[in-house]
Amino acid sequence: MDINAVMIVLLCVIIICLLFIMYVMYVRIQQLLTEVDSLTGRMEITDNELEHLTRSVEEYKKTRV
């Protein structure tokens, strides 16, 4: 075996390892995007609740005056 064959095999192994790492990162990014979507839904509900609370406070101010 000459040095060129060893280098080619080594580079192939490195490329395969990098492809596996990229796949793992892709899967993790998809999981994080799913979590962001669920958090966005919670924030929208919170925004609606905040609007309702603001209206209630304004109505309370009007009745107090």
N, C-alpha and C. Protein backbone atom coordinates (compact mmCIF):
# COMPACT_ATOMS: atom_id res chain seq x y z
N MET A 1 0.84 -1.19 0.00
CA MET A 1 0.00 0.00 0.00
C MET A 1 0.87 1.24 0.00
N ASP A 2 0.55 2.13 -0.88
CA ASP A 2 1.32 3.36 -0.91
C ASP A 2 0.58 4.46 -0.14
N ILE A 3 1.21 5.56 0.03
CA ILE A 3 0.67 6.67 0.83
C ILE A 3 -0.58 7.27 0.21
N ASN A 4 -0.68 7.25 -1.13
CA ASN A 4 -1.85 7.81 -1.80
C ASN A 4 -3.11 7.02 -1.47
N ALA A 5 -3.00 5.71 -1.44
CA ALA A 5 -4.15 4.88 -1.13
C ALA A 5 -4.59 5.10 0.32
N VAL A 6 -3.63 5.24 1.22
CA VAL A 6 -3.95 5.50 2.62
C VAL A 6 -4.65 6.84 2.77
N MET A 7 -4.16 7.83 2.09
CA MET A 7 -4.77 9.16 2.16
C MET A 7 -6.19 9.16 1.59
N ILE A 8 -6.40 8.46 0.50
CA ILE A 8 -7.74 8.39 -0.10
C ILE A 8 -8.71 7.71 0.87
N VAL A 9 -8.30 6.63 1.48
CA VAL A 9 -9.16 5.93 2.44
C VAL A 9 -9.43 6.84 3.64
N LEU A 10 -8.42 7.51 4.13
CA LEU A 10 -8.59 8.41 5.27
C LEU A 10 -9.56 9.55 4.94
N LEU A 11 -9.41 10.15 3.78
CA LEU A 11 -10.30 11.22 3.37
C LEU A 11 -11.73 10.73 3.18
N CYS A 12 -11.90 9.53 2.66
CA CYS A 12 -13.24 8.96 2.52
C CYS A 12 -13.90 8.77 3.88
N VAL A 13 -13.14 8.28 4.85
CA VAL A 13 -13.67 8.09 6.20
C VAL A 13 -14.05 9.45 6.80
N ILE A 14 -13.22 10.44 6.61
CA ILE A 14 -13.52 11.77 7.13
C ILE A 14 -14.78 12.33 6.49
N ILE A 15 -14.93 12.17 5.20
CA ILE A 15 -16.12 12.67 4.50
C ILE A 15 -17.37 11.97 5.01
N ILE A 16 -17.30 10.67 5.22
CA ILE A 16 -18.46 9.93 5.74
C ILE A 16 -18.81 10.42 7.14
N CYS A 17 -17.80 10.66 7.97
CA CYS A 17 -18.06 11.19 9.32
C CYS A 17 -18.71 12.56 9.25
N LEU A 18 -18.23 13.42 8.36
CA LEU A 18 -18.80 14.75 8.22
C LEU A 18 -20.24 14.69 7.71
N LEU A 19 -20.54 13.78 6.81
CA LEU A 19 -21.91 13.63 6.34
C LEU A 19 -22.83 13.17 7.47
N PHE A 20 -22.35 12.28 8.31
CA PHE A 20 -23.14 11.84 9.45
C PHE A 20 -23.40 13.00 10.41
N ILE A 21 -22.38 13.80 10.67
CA ILE A 21 -22.54 14.96 11.56
C ILE A 21 -23.55 15.94 10.95
N MET A 22 -23.50 16.15 9.64
CA MET A 22 -24.45 17.04 8.99
C MET A 22 -25.88 16.51 9.13
N TYR A 23 -26.04 15.20 9.01
CA TYR A 23 -27.37 14.61 9.17
C TYR A 23 -27.89 14.80 10.59
N VAL A 24 -27.04 14.59 11.57
CA VAL A 24 -27.45 14.79 12.97
C VAL A 24 -27.83 16.26 13.20
N MET A 25 -27.06 17.16 12.65
CA MET A 25 -27.37 18.59 12.79
C MET A 25 -28.69 18.93 12.11
N TYR A 26 -28.95 18.35 10.95
CA TYR A 26 -30.21 18.58 10.25
C TYR A 26 -31.40 18.12 11.09
N VAL A 27 -31.28 16.93 11.68
CA VAL A 27 -32.37 16.41 12.51
C VAL A 27 -32.59 17.33 13.71
N ARG A 28 -31.52 17.80 14.33
CA ARG A 28 -31.66 18.69 15.48
C ARG A 28 -32.29 20.03 15.08
N ILE A 29 -31.93 20.56 13.94
CA ILE A 29 -32.52 21.81 13.46
C ILE A 29 -34.03 21.63 13.25
N GLN A 30 -34.43 20.48 12.69
CA GLN A 30 -35.86 20.23 12.50
C GLN A 30 -36.58 20.18 13.84
N GLN A 31 -35.96 19.56 14.86
CA GLN A 31 -36.57 19.51 16.19
C GLN A 31 -36.71 20.92 16.76
N LEU A 32 -35.68 21.74 16.60
CA LEU A 32 -35.73 23.10 17.12
C LEU A 32 -36.79 23.94 16.40
N LEU A 33 -36.93 23.75 15.10
CA LEU A 33 -37.97 24.47 14.37
C LEU A 33 -39.37 24.08 14.85
N THR A 34 -39.56 22.81 15.16
CA THR A 34 -40.85 22.36 15.71
C THR A 34 -41.10 23.03 17.06
N GLU A 35 -40.07 23.12 17.90
CA GLU A 35 -40.23 23.79 19.19
C GLU A 35 -40.52 25.27 19.01
N VAL A 36 -39.88 25.92 18.05
CA VAL A 36 -40.14 27.34 17.81
C VAL A 36 -41.58 27.54 17.37
N ASP A 37 -42.10 26.65 16.52
CA ASP A 37 -43.49 26.76 16.09
C ASP A 37 -44.45 26.63 17.27
N SER A 38 -44.16 25.71 18.18
CA SER A 38 -45.05 25.56 19.35
C SER A 38 -44.95 26.77 20.26
N LEU A 39 -43.75 27.35 20.41
CA LEU A 39 -43.61 28.54 21.23
C LEU A 39 -44.31 29.74 20.59
N THR A 40 -44.29 29.82 19.28
CA THR A 40 -44.99 30.89 18.58
C THR A 40 -46.48 30.81 18.86
N GLY A 41 -47.02 29.60 18.86
CA GLY A 41 -48.43 29.42 19.19
C GLY A 41 -48.74 29.89 20.60
N ARG A 42 -47.89 29.59 21.54
CA ARG A 42 -48.09 30.05 22.91
C ARG A 42 -48.02 31.56 23.00
N MET A 43 -47.11 32.17 22.25
CA MET A 43 -46.97 33.62 22.27
C MET A 43 -48.21 34.29 21.70
N GLU A 44 -48.81 33.71 20.67
CA GLU A 44 -50.02 34.28 20.09
C GLU A 44 -51.16 34.25 21.11
N ILE A 45 -51.28 33.16 21.84
CA ILE A 45 -52.30 33.07 22.88
C ILE A 45 -52.02 34.13 23.95
N THR A 46 -50.77 34.28 24.32
CA THR A 46 -50.40 35.27 25.33
C THR A 46 -50.71 36.67 24.83
N ASP A 47 -50.49 36.95 23.56
CA ASP A 47 -50.81 38.27 22.99
C ASP A 47 -52.31 38.54 23.11
N ASN A 48 -53.12 37.54 22.81
CA ASN A 48 -54.57 37.72 22.91
C ASN A 48 -54.97 37.97 24.36
N GLU A 49 -54.36 37.24 25.27
CA GLU A 49 -54.67 37.45 26.68
C GLU A 49 -54.24 38.84 27.13
N LEU A 50 -53.10 39.31 26.62
CA LEU A 50 -52.61 40.64 26.97
C LEU A 50 -53.58 41.72 26.47
N GLU A 51 -54.09 41.56 25.26
CA GLU A 51 -55.06 42.50 24.73
C GLU A 51 -56.32 42.52 25.60
N HIS A 52 -56.77 41.34 26.00
CA HIS A 52 -57.96 41.25 26.86
C HIS A 52 -57.70 41.93 28.20
N LEU A 53 -56.54 41.71 28.76
CA LEU A 53 -56.18 42.35 30.03
C LEU A 53 -56.12 43.86 29.89
N THR A 54 -55.56 44.35 28.79
CA THR A 54 -55.49 45.79 28.55
C THR A 54 -56.88 46.39 28.46
N ARG A 55 -57.78 45.72 27.75
CA ARG A 55 -59.16 46.22 27.66
C ARG A 55 -59.83 46.24 29.04
N SER A 56 -59.58 45.21 29.82
CA SER A 56 -60.18 45.15 31.16
C SER A 56 -59.67 46.29 32.03
N VAL A 57 -58.39 46.59 31.94
CA VAL A 57 -57.82 47.68 32.73
C VAL A 57 -58.41 49.01 32.28
N GLU A 58 -58.55 49.22 30.98
CA GLU A 58 -59.13 50.46 30.46
C GLU A 58 -60.58 50.61 30.94
N GLU A 59 -61.34 49.51 30.91
CA GLU A 59 -62.72 49.57 31.38
C GLU A 59 -62.75 49.88 32.87
N TYR A 60 -61.85 49.32 33.64
CA TYR A 60 -61.78 49.59 35.07
C TYR A 60 -61.46 51.07 35.33
N LYS A 61 -60.53 51.63 34.54
CA LYS A 61 -60.20 53.05 34.69
C LYS A 61 -61.41 53.93 34.40
N LYS A 62 -62.18 53.58 33.37
CA LYS A 62 -63.36 54.37 33.01
C LYS A 62 -64.41 54.30 34.11
N THR A 63 -64.64 53.15 34.70
CA THR A 63 -65.63 53.03 35.74
C THR A 63 -65.18 53.69 37.04
N ARG A 64 -63.92 53.79 37.26
CA ARG A 64 -63.38 54.39 38.50
C ARG A 64 -63.46 55.89 38.48
N VAL A 65 -63.38 56.48 37.31
CA VAL A 65 -63.37 57.95 37.21
C VAL A 65 -64.72 58.53 37.34
